[in-house]
Amino acid sequence: MKRIMIVDDAAFMRMVIKQMLTESGYEVVAEAVNGRDAIQKFNEVSPDLVTMDITMPELDGVEAVKEIKKINAEARVIMCSAMGQQHMVVNAIQAGASDFIVKPFQKDRVIEAIEKALA
C-alpha cells in the first residue's frame, strides 16, 4: 500500500483528499498544515508521495517542495492549486513537483495524478 502525506492549511481540504485516497486504497501516513510542518513530517514518515497546497502560511508549497527535494531528490510531490494560480503551478513544476491538480478536486483527476506520479 502506497503511503501518502497530505499538506494543506485547510482542515476541510485535507479531509476531502484523505477520503478520496483511503477510498482508493492509499494509506495517509501524515497530514501537515503548512510548508514548514510538511518538511518536518516528510523527514519523520518518508511518504511515497506528497500532495501539497501552494498557498499556505509560514512557508508556501513551492518553497516546501524545494526543501523536500533537497532531502530526497526522488520525492514525488503533486501540487494542489486553486483556479487562477497557473504561474504558481509553473513555479512548482520548476521546483520539482511531479504534477498538479486544481481545486475543487475531481476524484478521478486526483487518483490519475497520483497513479502517474507513483508509476
PDB file of N, CA and C in Angstrom:
ATOM      1  N   MET A   1       0.845  -1.183   0.000  1.00  0.00           N
ATOM      2  CA  MET A   1       0.000   0.000   0.000  1.00  0.00           C
ATOM      3  C   MET A   1       0.893   1.250   0.000  1.00  0.00           C
ATOM      4  N   LYS A   2       0.618   2.162  -0.917  1.00  0.00           N
ATOM      5  CA  LYS A   2       1.409   3.384  -1.021  1.00  0.00           C
ATOM      6  C   LYS A   2       1.035   4.350   0.095  1.00  0.00           C
ATOM      7  N   ARG A   3       2.076   4.985   0.647  1.00  0.00           N
ATOM      8  CA  ARG A   3       1.937   5.871   1.802  1.00  0.00           C
ATOM      9  C   ARG A   3       1.978   7.331   1.342  1.00  0.00           C
ATOM     10  N   ILE A   4       0.966   8.096   1.705  1.00  0.00           N
ATOM     11  CA  ILE A   4       0.837   9.470   1.221  1.00  0.00           C
ATOM     12  C   ILE A   4       0.707  10.455   2.379  1.00  0.00           C
ATOM     13  N   MET A   5       1.348  11.621   2.208  1.00  0.00           N
ATOM     14  CA  MET A   5       1.213  12.717   3.160  1.00  0.00           C
ATOM     15  C   MET A   5       0.423  13.836   2.485  1.00  0.00           C
ATOM     16  N   ILE A   6      -0.532  14.397   3.204  1.00  0.00           N
ATOM     17  CA  ILE A   6      -1.377  15.483   2.698  1.00  0.00           C
ATOM     18  C   ILE A   6      -0.963  16.779   3.377  1.00  0.00           C
ATOM     19  N   VAL A   7      -0.703  17.814   2.567  1.00  0.00           N
ATOM     20  CA  VAL A   7      -0.313  19.113   3.120  1.00  0.00           C
ATOM     21  C   VAL A   7      -1.290  20.177   2.622  1.00  0.00           C
ATOM     22  N   ASP A   8      -2.030  20.763   3.548  1.00  0.00           N
ATOM     23  CA  ASP A   8      -2.965  21.845   3.221  1.00  0.00           C
ATOM     24  C   ASP A   8      -3.302  22.559   4.519  1.00  0.00           C
ATOM     25  N   ASP A   9      -3.364  23.876   4.478  1.00  0.00           N
ATOM     26  CA  ASP A   9      -3.680  24.621   5.692  1.00  0.00           C
ATOM     27  C   ASP A   9      -5.165  24.542   6.046  1.00  0.00           C
ATOM     28  N   ALA A  10      -5.994  24.102   5.114  1.00  0.00           N
ATOM     29  CA  ALA A  10      -7.427  23.982   5.377  1.00  0.00           C
ATOM     30  C   ALA A  10      -7.778  22.552   5.781  1.00  0.00           C
ATOM     31  N   ALA A  11      -8.282  22.395   7.001  1.00  0.00           N
ATOM     32  CA  ALA A  11      -8.644  21.069   7.515  1.00  0.00           C
ATOM     33  C   ALA A  11      -9.664  20.381   6.615  1.00  0.00           C
ATOM     34  N   PHE A  12     -10.609  21.151   6.084  1.00  0.00           N
ATOM     35  CA  PHE A  12     -11.633  20.570   5.210  1.00  0.00           C
ATOM     36  C   PHE A  12     -11.006  19.963   3.960  1.00  0.00           C
ATOM     37  N   MET A  13     -10.035  20.658   3.361  1.00  0.00           N
ATOM     38  CA  MET A  13      -9.391  20.138   2.150  1.00  0.00           C
ATOM     39  C   MET A  13      -8.606  18.866   2.463  1.00  0.00           C
ATOM     40  N   ARG A  14      -7.931  18.846   3.602  1.00  0.00           N
ATOM     41  CA  ARG A  14      -7.215  17.624   3.993  1.00  0.00           C
ATOM     42  C   ARG A  14      -8.189  16.465   4.141  1.00  0.00           C
ATOM     43  N   MET A  15      -9.339  16.739   4.732  1.00  0.00           N
ATOM     44  CA  MET A  15     -10.348  15.699   4.930  1.00  0.00           C
ATOM     45  C   MET A  15     -10.858  15.168   3.587  1.00  0.00           C
ATOM     46  N   VAL A  16     -11.127  16.072   2.648  1.00  0.00           N
ATOM     47  CA  VAL A  16     -11.626  15.680   1.326  1.00  0.00           C
ATOM     48  C   VAL A  16     -10.600  14.793   0.608  1.00  0.00           C
ATOM     49  N   ILE A  17      -9.352  15.221   0.609  1.00  0.00           N
ATOM     50  CA  ILE A  17      -8.297  14.451  -0.065  1.00  0.00           C
ATOM     51  C   ILE A  17      -8.111  13.099   0.625  1.00  0.00           C
ATOM     52  N   LYS A  18      -8.086  13.114   1.950  1.00  0.00           N
ATOM     53  CA  LYS A  18      -7.885  11.868   2.698  1.00  0.00           C
ATOM     54  C   LYS A  18      -8.972  10.861   2.365  1.00  0.00           C
ATOM     55  N   GLN A  19     -10.207  11.317   2.293  1.00  0.00           N
ATOM     56  CA  GLN A  19     -11.319  10.418   1.978  1.00  0.00           C
ATOM     57  C   GLN A  19     -11.143   9.826   0.578  1.00  0.00           C
ATOM     58  N   MET A  20     -10.783  10.664  -0.403  1.00  0.00           N
ATOM     59  CA  MET A  20     -10.558  10.169  -1.767  1.00  0.00           C
ATOM     60  C   MET A  20      -9.472   9.095  -1.792  1.00  0.00           C
ATOM     61  N   LEU A  21      -8.385   9.368  -1.073  1.00  0.00           N
ATOM     62  CA  LEU A  21      -7.240   8.458  -1.090  1.00  0.00           C
ATOM     63  C   LEU A  21      -7.542   7.143  -0.382  1.00  0.00           C
ATOM     64  N   THR A  22      -8.139   7.213   0.793  1.00  0.00           N
ATOM     65  CA  THR A  22      -8.413   5.976   1.530  1.00  0.00           C
ATOM     66  C   THR A  22      -9.437   5.120   0.788  1.00  0.00           C
ATOM     67  N   GLU A  23     -10.424   5.759   0.156  1.00  0.00           N
ATOM     68  CA  GLU A  23     -11.407   5.016  -0.636  1.00  0.00           C
ATOM     69  C   GLU A  23     -10.754   4.325  -1.829  1.00  0.00           C
ATOM     70  N   SER A  24      -9.613   4.856  -2.270  1.00  0.00           N
ATOM     71  CA  SER A  24      -8.920   4.301  -3.435  1.00  0.00           C
ATOM     72  C   SER A  24      -7.769   3.371  -3.046  1.00  0.00           C
ATOM     73  N   GLY A  25      -7.672   3.056  -1.752  1.00  0.00           N
ATOM     74  CA  GLY A  25      -6.696   2.076  -1.315  1.00  0.00           C
ATOM     75  C   GLY A  25      -5.334   2.611  -0.912  1.00  0.00           C
ATOM     76  N   TYR A  26      -5.226   3.917  -0.725  1.00  0.00           N
ATOM     77  CA  TYR A  26      -3.955   4.509  -0.284  1.00  0.00           C
ATOM     78  C   TYR A  26      -3.978   4.713   1.228  1.00  0.00           C
ATOM     79  N   GLU A  27      -2.800   4.720   1.826  1.00  0.00           N
ATOM     80  CA  GLU A  27      -2.684   4.959   3.260  1.00  0.00           C
ATOM     81  C   GLU A  27      -2.180   6.386   3.485  1.00  0.00           C
ATOM     82  N   VAL A  28      -2.929   7.177   4.231  1.00  0.00           N
ATOM     83  CA  VAL A  28      -2.490   8.533   4.582  1.00  0.00           C
ATOM     84  C   VAL A  28      -1.686   8.416   5.875  1.00  0.00           C
ATOM     85  N   VAL A  29      -0.371   8.660   5.766  1.00  0.00           N
ATOM     86  CA  VAL A  29       0.518   8.452   6.912  1.00  0.00           C
ATOM     87  C   VAL A  29       0.793   9.726   7.701  1.00  0.00           C
ATOM     88  N   ALA A  30       0.474  10.877   7.120  1.00  0.00           N
ATOM     89  CA  ALA A  30       0.677  12.141   7.836  1.00  0.00           C
ATOM     90  C   ALA A  30      -0.124  13.242   7.167  1.00  0.00           C
ATOM     91  N   GLU A  31      -0.416  14.274   7.961  1.00  0.00           N
ATOM     92  CA  GLU A  31      -1.046  15.493   7.460  1.00  0.00           C
ATOM     93  C   GLU A  31      -0.240  16.658   8.014  1.00  0.00           C
ATOM     94  N   ALA A  32      -0.053  17.682   7.194  1.00  0.00           N
ATOM     95  CA  ALA A  32       0.678  18.869   7.618  1.00  0.00           C
ATOM     96  C   ALA A  32      -0.144  20.103   7.272  1.00  0.00           C
ATOM     97  N   VAL A  33       0.048  21.175   8.077  1.00  0.00           N
ATOM     98  CA  VAL A  33      -0.778  22.379   7.929  1.00  0.00           C
ATOM     99  C   VAL A  33      -0.070  23.526   7.222  1.00  0.00           C
ATOM    100  N   ASN A  34       1.246  23.394   6.990  1.00  0.00           N
ATOM    101  CA  ASN A  34       1.989  24.417   6.237  1.00  0.00           C
ATOM    102  C   ASN A  34       3.293  23.795   5.737  1.00  0.00           C
ATOM    103  N   GLY A  35       4.049  24.548   4.968  1.00  0.00           N
ATOM    104  CA  GLY A  35       5.275  24.025   4.382  1.00  0.00           C
ATOM    105  C   GLY A  35       6.314  23.611   5.400  1.00  0.00           C
ATOM    106  N   ARG A  36       6.449  24.377   6.461  1.00  0.00           N
ATOM    107  CA  ARG A  36       7.431  24.057   7.499  1.00  0.00           C
ATOM    108  C   ARG A  36       7.076  22.728   8.181  1.00  0.00           C
ATOM    109  N   ASP A  37       5.801  22.576   8.503  1.00  0.00           N
ATOM    110  CA  ASP A  37       5.284  21.346   9.104  1.00  0.00           C
ATOM    111  C   ASP A  37       5.491  20.166   8.134  1.00  0.00           C
ATOM    112  N   ALA A  38       5.286  20.422   6.845  1.00  0.00           N
ATOM    113  CA  ALA A  38       5.439  19.375   5.826  1.00  0.00           C
ATOM    114  C   ALA A  38       6.864  18.840   5.770  1.00  0.00           C
ATOM    115  N   ILE A  39       7.833  19.727   5.825  1.00  0.00           N
ATOM    116  CA  ILE A  39       9.244  19.317   5.758  1.00  0.00           C
ATOM    117  C   ILE A  39       9.583  18.438   6.960  1.00  0.00           C
ATOM    118  N   GLN A  40       9.147  18.866   8.141  1.00  0.00           N
ATOM    119  CA  GLN A  40       9.413  18.098   9.368  1.00  0.00           C
ATOM    120  C   GLN A  40       8.777  16.707   9.287  1.00  0.00           C
ATOM    121  N   LYS A  41       7.512  16.660   8.881  1.00  0.00           N
ATOM    122  CA  LYS A  41       6.809  15.372   8.826  1.00  0.00           C
ATOM    123  C   LYS A  41       7.337  14.499   7.697  1.00  0.00           C
ATOM    124  N   PHE A  42       7.772  15.109   6.586  1.00  0.00           N
ATOM    125  CA  PHE A  42       8.370  14.335   5.494  1.00  0.00           C
ATOM    126  C   PHE A  42       9.583  13.571   6.024  1.00  0.00           C
ATOM    127  N   ASN A  43      10.402  14.255   6.805  1.00  0.00           N
ATOM    128  CA  ASN A  43      11.580  13.623   7.420  1.00  0.00           C
ATOM    129  C   ASN A  43      11.191  12.470   8.333  1.00  0.00           C
ATOM    130  N   GLU A  44      10.104  12.628   9.063  1.00  0.00           N
ATOM    131  CA  GLU A  44       9.680  11.623  10.034  1.00  0.00           C
ATOM    132  C   GLU A  44       9.075  10.376   9.397  1.00  0.00           C
ATOM    133  N   VAL A  45       8.247  10.550   8.362  1.00  0.00           N
ATOM    134  CA  VAL A  45       7.476   9.413   7.831  1.00  0.00           C
ATOM    135  C   VAL A  45       7.916   8.913   6.457  1.00  0.00           C
ATOM    136  N   SER A  46       8.743   9.667   5.740  1.00  0.00           N
ATOM    137  CA  SER A  46       9.210   9.279   4.399  1.00  0.00           C
ATOM    138  C   SER A  46       8.090   8.705   3.528  1.00  0.00           C
ATOM    139  N   PRO A  47       7.095   9.518   3.201  1.00  0.00           N
ATOM    140  CA  PRO A  47       5.975   9.012   2.397  1.00  0.00           C
ATOM    141  C   PRO A  47       6.396   8.723   0.956  1.00  0.00           C
ATOM    142  N   ASP A  48       5.601   7.898   0.270  1.00  0.00           N
ATOM    143  CA  ASP A  48       5.846   7.603  -1.141  1.00  0.00           C
ATOM    144  C   ASP A  48       5.476   8.793  -2.020  1.00  0.00           C
ATOM    145  N   LEU A  49       4.534   9.612  -1.534  1.00  0.00           N
ATOM    146  CA  LEU A  49       4.050  10.745  -2.312  1.00  0.00           C
ATOM    147  C   LEU A  49       3.483  11.795  -1.366  1.00  0.00           C
ATOM    148  N   VAL A  50       3.564  13.056  -1.784  1.00  0.00           N
ATOM    149  CA  VAL A  50       3.018  14.177  -1.010  1.00  0.00           C
ATOM    150  C   VAL A  50       2.056  14.955  -1.894  1.00  0.00           C
ATOM    151  N   THR A  51       0.868  15.279  -1.362  1.00  0.00           N
ATOM    152  CA  THR A  51       0.007  16.258  -2.034  1.00  0.00           C
ATOM    153  C   THR A  51       0.240  17.566  -1.286  1.00  0.00           C
ATOM    154  N   MET A  52       0.533  18.633  -2.013  1.00  0.00           N
ATOM    155  CA  MET A  52       0.981  19.887  -1.401  1.00  0.00           C
ATOM    156  C   MET A  52       0.180  21.074  -1.926  1.00  0.00           C
ATOM    157  N   ASP A  53      -0.498  21.755  -1.009  1.00  0.00           N
ATOM    158  CA  ASP A  53      -1.176  23.005  -1.356  1.00  0.00           C
ATOM    159  C   ASP A  53      -0.104  24.043  -1.696  1.00  0.00           C
ATOM    160  N   ILE A  54      -0.412  24.980  -2.555  1.00  0.00           N
ATOM    161  CA  ILE A  54       0.568  26.010  -2.904  1.00  0.00           C
ATOM    162  C   ILE A  54       0.539  27.154  -1.900  1.00  0.00           C
ATOM    163  N   THR A  55      -0.636  27.699  -1.648  1.00  0.00           N
ATOM    164  CA  THR A  55      -0.758  28.882  -0.807  1.00  0.00           C
ATOM    165  C   THR A  55      -1.032  28.490   0.637  1.00  0.00           C
ATOM    166  N   MET A  56      -0.010  28.688   1.494  1.00  0.00           N
ATOM    167  CA  MET A  56      -0.134  28.355   2.917  1.00  0.00           C
ATOM    168  C   MET A  56       0.651  29.371   3.738  1.00  0.00           C
ATOM    169  N   PRO A  57       0.287  29.512   5.019  1.00  0.00           N
ATOM    170  CA  PRO A  57       1.052  30.416   5.893  1.00  0.00           C
ATOM    171  C   PRO A  57       2.416  29.825   6.251  1.00  0.00           C
ATOM    172  N   GLU A  58       3.290  30.657   6.757  1.00  0.00           N
ATOM    173  CA  GLU A  58       4.641  30.309   7.218  1.00  0.00           C
ATOM    174  C   GLU A  58       5.591  29.960   6.082  1.00  0.00           C
ATOM    175  N   LEU A  59       5.274  28.915   5.314  1.00  0.00           N
ATOM    176  CA  LEU A  59       6.124  28.531   4.179  1.00  0.00           C
ATOM    177  C   LEU A  59       5.206  27.969   3.116  1.00  0.00           C
ATOM    178  N   ASP A  60       5.232  28.570   1.916  1.00  0.00           N
ATOM    179  CA  ASP A  60       4.308  28.117   0.874  1.00  0.00           C
ATOM    180  C   ASP A  60       4.759  26.782   0.271  1.00  0.00           C
ATOM    181  N   GLY A  61       3.870  26.205  -0.533  1.00  0.00           N
ATOM    182  CA  GLY A  61       4.117  24.895  -1.108  1.00  0.00           C
ATOM    183  C   GLY A  61       5.313  24.834  -2.035  1.00  0.00           C
ATOM    184  N   VAL A  62       5.549  25.890  -2.811  1.00  0.00           N
ATOM    185  CA  VAL A  62       6.681  25.895  -3.747  1.00  0.00           C
ATOM    186  C   VAL A  62       8.001  25.816  -2.982  1.00  0.00           C
ATOM    187  N   GLU A  63       8.135  26.622  -1.939  1.00  0.00           N
ATOM    188  CA  GLU A  63       9.363  26.597  -1.137  1.00  0.00           C
ATOM    189  C   GLU A  63       9.512  25.265  -0.404  1.00  0.00           C
ATOM    190  N   ALA A  64       8.395  24.715   0.059  1.00  0.00           N
ATOM    191  CA  ALA A  64       8.439  23.422   0.750  1.00  0.00           C
ATOM    192  C   ALA A  64       8.900  22.315  -0.196  1.00  0.00           C
ATOM    193  N   VAL A  65       8.443  22.351  -1.443  1.00  0.00           N
ATOM    194  CA  VAL A  65       8.881  21.346  -2.429  1.00  0.00           C
ATOM    195  C   VAL A  65      10.392  21.432  -2.622  1.00  0.00           C
ATOM    196  N   LYS A  66      10.909  22.645  -2.738  1.00  0.00           N
ATOM    197  CA  LYS A  66      12.360  22.816  -2.917  1.00  0.00           C
ATOM    198  C   LYS A  66      13.123  22.178  -1.755  1.00  0.00           C
ATOM    199  N   GLU A  67      12.643  22.400  -0.532  1.00  0.00           N
ATOM    200  CA  GLU A  67      13.310  21.851   0.645  1.00  0.00           C
ATOM    201  C   GLU A  67      13.183  20.323   0.705  1.00  0.00           C
ATOM    202  N   ILE A  68      12.009  19.814   0.371  1.00  0.00           N
ATOM    203  CA  ILE A  68      11.807  18.358   0.363  1.00  0.00           C
ATOM    204  C   ILE A  68      12.702  17.702  -0.687  1.00  0.00           C
ATOM    205  N   LYS A  69      12.856  18.345  -1.834  1.00  0.00           N
ATOM    206  CA  LYS A  69      13.713  17.800  -2.893  1.00  0.00           C
ATOM    207  C   LYS A  69      15.184  17.795  -2.470  1.00  0.00           C
ATOM    208  N   LYS A  70      15.568  18.730  -1.593  1.00  0.00           N
ATOM    209  CA  LYS A  70      16.938  18.720  -1.059  1.00  0.00           C
ATOM    210  C   LYS A  70      17.133  17.506  -0.143  1.00  0.00           C
ATOM    211  N   ILE A  71      16.085  17.149   0.593  1.00  0.00           N
ATOM    212  CA  ILE A  71      16.136  15.999   1.498  1.00  0.00           C
ATOM    213  C   ILE A  71      16.175  14.705   0.688  1.00  0.00           C
ATOM    214  N   ASN A  72      15.303  14.632  -0.327  1.00  0.00           N
ATOM    215  CA  ASN A  72      15.211  13.442  -1.165  1.00  0.00           C
ATOM    216  C   ASN A  72      14.895  13.871  -2.592  1.00  0.00           C
ATOM    217  N   ALA A  73      15.895  13.818  -3.445  1.00  0.00           N
ATOM    218  CA  ALA A  73      15.736  14.258  -4.834  1.00  0.00           C
ATOM    219  C   ALA A  73      14.684  13.440  -5.580  1.00  0.00           C
ATOM    220  N   GLU A  74      14.397  12.235  -5.091  1.00  0.00           N
ATOM    221  CA  GLU A  74      13.412  11.355  -5.734  1.00  0.00           C
ATOM    222  C   GLU A  74      11.997  11.560  -5.199  1.00  0.00           C
ATOM    223  N   ALA A  75      11.819  12.473  -4.255  1.00  0.00           N
ATOM    224  CA  ALA A  75      10.498  12.701  -3.653  1.00  0.00           C
ATOM    225  C   ALA A  75       9.478  13.032  -4.735  1.00  0.00           C
ATOM    226  N   ARG A  76       8.292  12.466  -4.564  1.00  0.00           N
ATOM    227  CA  ARG A  76       7.192  12.716  -5.510  1.00  0.00           C
ATOM    228  C   ARG A  76       6.185  13.628  -4.831  1.00  0.00           C
ATOM    229  N   VAL A  77       5.943  14.782  -5.468  1.00  0.00           N
ATOM    230  CA  VAL A  77       5.029  15.776  -4.897  1.00  0.00           C
ATOM    231  C   VAL A  77       4.043  16.208  -5.969  1.00  0.00           C
ATOM    232  N   ILE A  78       2.775  16.196  -5.625  1.00  0.00           N
ATOM    233  CA  ILE A  78       1.729  16.714  -6.510  1.00  0.00           C
ATOM    234  C   ILE A  78       1.202  17.995  -5.880  1.00  0.00           C
ATOM    235  N   MET A  79       1.239  19.071  -6.640  1.00  0.00           N
ATOM    236  CA  MET A  79       0.781  20.365  -6.130  1.00  0.00           C
ATOM    237  C   MET A  79      -0.728  20.500  -6.312  1.00  0.00           C
ATOM    238  N   CYS A  80      -1.344  21.168  -5.349  1.00  0.00           N
ATOM    239  CA  CYS A  80      -2.773  21.450  -5.387  1.00  0.00           C
ATOM    240  C   CYS A  80      -2.947  22.959  -5.476  1.00  0.00           C
ATOM    241  N   SER A  81      -3.666  23.402  -6.485  1.00  0.00           N
ATOM    242  CA  SER A  81      -3.830  24.842  -6.654  1.00  0.00           C
ATOM    243  C   SER A  81      -5.280  25.202  -6.918  1.00  0.00           C
ATOM    244  N   ALA A  82      -5.619  26.423  -6.570  1.00  0.00           N
ATOM    245  CA  ALA A  82      -6.939  26.948  -6.904  1.00  0.00           C
ATOM    246  C   ALA A  82      -6.880  27.496  -8.326  1.00  0.00           C
ATOM    247  N   MET A  83      -8.023  27.663  -8.922  1.00  0.00           N
ATOM    248  CA  MET A  83      -8.081  28.254 -10.261  1.00  0.00           C
ATOM    249  C   MET A  83      -7.373  29.603 -10.253  1.00  0.00           C
ATOM    250  N   GLY A  84      -6.704  29.932 -11.335  1.00  0.00           N
ATOM    251  CA  GLY A  84      -6.067  31.233 -11.454  1.00  0.00           C
ATOM    252  C   GLY A  84      -4.672  31.300 -10.859  1.00  0.00           C
ATOM    253  N   GLN A  85      -4.097  30.166 -10.502  1.00  0.00           N
ATOM    254  CA  GLN A  85      -2.750  30.162  -9.937  1.00  0.00           C
ATOM    255  C   GLN A  85      -1.748  29.513 -10.905  1.00  0.00           C
ATOM    256  N   GLN A  86      -2.009  29.652 -12.205  1.00  0.00           N
ATOM    257  CA  GLN A  86      -1.175  28.976 -13.192  1.00  0.00           C
ATOM    258  C   GLN A  86       0.300  29.328 -13.067  1.00  0.00           C
ATOM    259  N   HIS A  87       0.618  30.594 -12.822  1.00  0.00           N
ATOM    260  CA  HIS A  87       2.027  30.992 -12.698  1.00  0.00           C
ATOM    261  C   HIS A  87       2.686  30.295 -11.512  1.00  0.00           C
ATOM    262  N   MET A  88       1.904  30.077 -10.451  1.00  0.00           N
ATOM    263  CA  MET A  88       2.443  29.382  -9.285  1.00  0.00           C
ATOM    264  C   MET A  88       2.645  27.903  -9.584  1.00  0.00           C
ATOM    265  N   VAL A  89       1.762  27.340 -10.406  1.00  0.00           N
ATOM    266  CA  VAL A  89       1.902  25.938 -10.804  1.00  0.00           C
ATOM    267  C   VAL A  89       3.192  25.754 -11.596  1.00  0.00           C
ATOM    268  N   VAL A  90       3.476  26.674 -12.504  1.00  0.00           N
ATOM    269  CA  VAL A  90       4.713  26.610 -13.283  1.00  0.00           C
ATOM    270  C   VAL A  90       5.915  26.651 -12.336  1.00  0.00           C
ATOM    271  N   ASN A  91       5.886  27.562 -11.366  1.00  0.00           N
ATOM    272  CA  ASN A  91       6.968  27.638 -10.376  1.00  0.00           C
ATOM    273  C   ASN A  91       7.110  26.325  -9.615  1.00  0.00           C
ATOM    274  N   ALA A  92       5.988  25.708  -9.276  1.00  0.00           N
ATOM    275  CA  ALA A  92       6.007  24.449  -8.532  1.00  0.00           C
ATOM    276  C   ALA A  92       6.631  23.327  -9.356  1.00  0.00           C
ATOM    277  N   ILE A  93       6.273  23.255 -10.620  1.00  0.00           N
ATOM    278  CA  ILE A  93       6.839  22.216 -11.504  1.00  0.00           C
ATOM    279  C   ILE A  93       8.345  22.445 -11.648  1.00  0.00           C
ATOM    280  N   GLN A  94       8.736  23.699 -11.804  1.00  0.00           N
ATOM    281  CA  GLN A  94      10.165  24.012 -11.905  1.00  0.00           C
ATOM    282  C   GLN A  94      10.904  23.666 -10.611  1.00  0.00           C
ATOM    283  N   ALA A  95      10.201  23.751  -9.473  1.00  0.00           N
ATOM    284  CA  ALA A  95      10.807  23.426  -8.178  1.00  0.00           C
ATOM    285  C   ALA A  95      10.927  21.918  -7.970  1.00  0.00           C
ATOM    286  N   GLY A  96      10.245  21.138  -8.814  1.00  0.00           N
ATOM    287  CA  GLY A  96      10.375  19.690  -8.718  1.00  0.00           C
ATOM    288  C   GLY A  96       9.084  18.921  -8.525  1.00  0.00           C
ATOM    289  N   ALA A  97       7.943  19.595  -8.549  1.00  0.00           N
ATOM    290  CA  ALA A  97       6.673  18.883  -8.408  1.00  0.00           C
ATOM    291  C   ALA A  97       6.446  17.984  -9.621  1.00  0.00           C
ATOM    292  N   SER A  98       5.822  16.832  -9.388  1.00  0.00           N
ATOM    293  CA  SER A  98       5.564  15.861 -10.452  1.00  0.00           C
ATOM    294  C   SER A  98       4.362  16.256 -11.310  1.00  0.00           C
ATOM    295  N   ASP A  99       3.367  16.871 -10.682  1.00  0.00           N
ATOM    296  CA  ASP A  99       2.111  17.155 -11.367  1.00  0.00           C
ATOM    297  C   ASP A  99       1.355  18.176 -10.532  1.00  0.00           C
ATOM    298  N   PHE A 100       0.190  18.575 -11.002  1.00  0.00           N
ATOM    299  CA  PHE A 100      -0.660  19.456 -10.211  1.00  0.00           C
ATOM    300  C   PHE A 100      -2.121  19.098 -10.442  1.00  0.00           C
ATOM    301  N   ILE A 101      -2.919  19.336  -9.418  1.00  0.00           N
ATOM    302  CA  ILE A 101      -4.359  19.161  -9.518  1.00  0.00           C
ATOM    303  C   ILE A 101      -5.011  20.465  -9.073  1.00  0.00           C
ATOM    304  N   VAL A 102      -6.156  20.750  -9.682  1.00  0.00           N
ATOM    305  CA  VAL A 102      -6.817  22.032  -9.450  1.00  0.00           C
ATOM    306  C   VAL A 102      -8.039  21.844  -8.556  1.00  0.00           C
ATOM    307  N   LYS A 103      -8.146  22.742  -7.575  1.00  0.00           N
ATOM    308  CA  LYS A 103      -9.336  22.775  -6.707  1.00  0.00           C
ATOM    309  C   LYS A 103     -10.459  23.464  -7.465  1.00  0.00           C
ATOM    310  N   PRO A 104     -11.712  23.078  -7.286  1.00  0.00           N
ATOM    311  CA  PRO A 104     -12.169  21.955  -6.467  1.00  0.00           C
ATOM    312  C   PRO A 104     -11.770  20.618  -7.101  1.00  0.00           C
ATOM    313  N   PHE A 105     -11.435  19.648  -6.280  1.00  0.00           N
ATOM    314  CA  PHE A 105     -10.897  18.389  -6.764  1.00  0.00           C
ATOM    315  C   PHE A 105     -11.960  17.489  -7.372  1.00  0.00           C
ATOM    316  N   GLN A 106     -11.555  16.822  -8.451  1.00  0.00           N
ATOM    317  CA  GLN A 106     -12.360  15.748  -9.022  1.00  0.00           C
ATOM    318  C   GLN A 106     -11.603  14.463  -8.704  1.00  0.00           C
ATOM    319  N   LYS A 107     -12.272  13.534  -8.073  1.00  0.00           N
ATOM    320  CA  LYS A 107     -11.613  12.318  -7.592  1.00  0.00           C
ATOM    321  C   LYS A 107     -10.830  11.621  -8.703  1.00  0.00           C
ATOM    322  N   ASP A 108     -11.423  11.482  -9.885  1.00  0.00           N
ATOM    323  CA  ASP A 108     -10.742  10.786 -10.986  1.00  0.00           C
ATOM    324  C   ASP A 108      -9.411  11.446 -11.314  1.00  0.00           C
ATOM    325  N   ARG A 109      -9.394  12.772 -11.341  1.00  0.00           N
ATOM    326  CA  ARG A 109      -8.166  13.511 -11.671  1.00  0.00           C
ATOM    327  C   ARG A 109      -7.117  13.347 -10.570  1.00  0.00           C
ATOM    328  N   VAL A 110      -7.551  13.367  -9.315  1.00  0.00           N
ATOM    329  CA  VAL A 110      -6.629  13.201  -8.190  1.00  0.00           C
ATOM    330  C   VAL A 110      -5.965  11.828  -8.265  1.00  0.00           C
ATOM    331  N   ILE A 111      -6.771  10.784  -8.431  1.00  0.00           N
ATOM    332  CA  ILE A 111      -6.242   9.416  -8.464  1.00  0.00           C
ATOM    333  C   ILE A 111      -5.348   9.219  -9.692  1.00  0.00           C
ATOM    334  N   GLU A 112      -5.755   9.778 -10.824  1.00  0.00           N
ATOM    335  CA  GLU A 112      -4.943   9.688 -12.041  1.00  0.00           C
ATOM    336  C   GLU A 112      -3.564  10.325 -11.825  1.00  0.00           C
ATOM    337  N   ALA A 113      -3.525  11.496 -11.216  1.00  0.00           N
ATOM    338  CA  ALA A 113      -2.262  12.195 -10.966  1.00  0.00           C
ATOM    339  C   ALA A 113      -1.381  11.389 -10.017  1.00  0.00           C
ATOM    340  N   ILE A 114      -1.983  10.801  -9.000  1.00  0.00           N
ATOM    341  CA  ILE A 114      -1.225  10.006  -8.029  1.00  0.00           C
ATOM    342  C   ILE A 114      -0.670   8.740  -8.677  1.00  0.00           C
ATOM    343  N   GLU A 115      -1.504   8.053  -9.442  1.00  0.00           N
ATOM    344  CA  GLU A 115      -1.033   6.834 -10.106  1.00  0.00           C
ATOM    345  C   GLU A 115       0.108   7.135 -11.075  1.00  0.00           C
ATOM    346  N   LYS A 116      -0.023   8.242 -11.803  1.00  0.00           N
ATOM    347  CA  LYS A 116       1.020   8.642 -12.749  1.00  0.00           C
ATOM    348  C   LYS A 116       2.325   8.977 -12.008  1.00  0.00           C
ATOM    349  N   ALA A 117       2.225   9.707 -10.908  1.00  0.00           N
ATOM    350  CA  ALA A 117       3.402  10.093 -10.157  1.00  0.00           C
ATOM    351  C   ALA A 117       4.096   8.892  -9.514  1.00  0.00           C
ATOM    352  N   LEU A 118       3.330   7.890  -9.131  1.00  0.00           N
ATOM    353  CA  LEU A 118       3.879   6.716  -8.456  1.00  0.00           C
ATOM    354  C   LEU A 118       4.373   5.640  -9.436  1.00  0.00           C
ATOM    355  N   ALA A 119       4.019   5.796 -10.710  1.00  0.00           N
ATOM    356  CA  ALA A 119       4.404   4.783 -11.720  1.00  0.00           C
ATOM    357  C   ALA A 119       5.903   4.736 -11.960  1.00  0.00           C
TER     358      ALA A 119
END
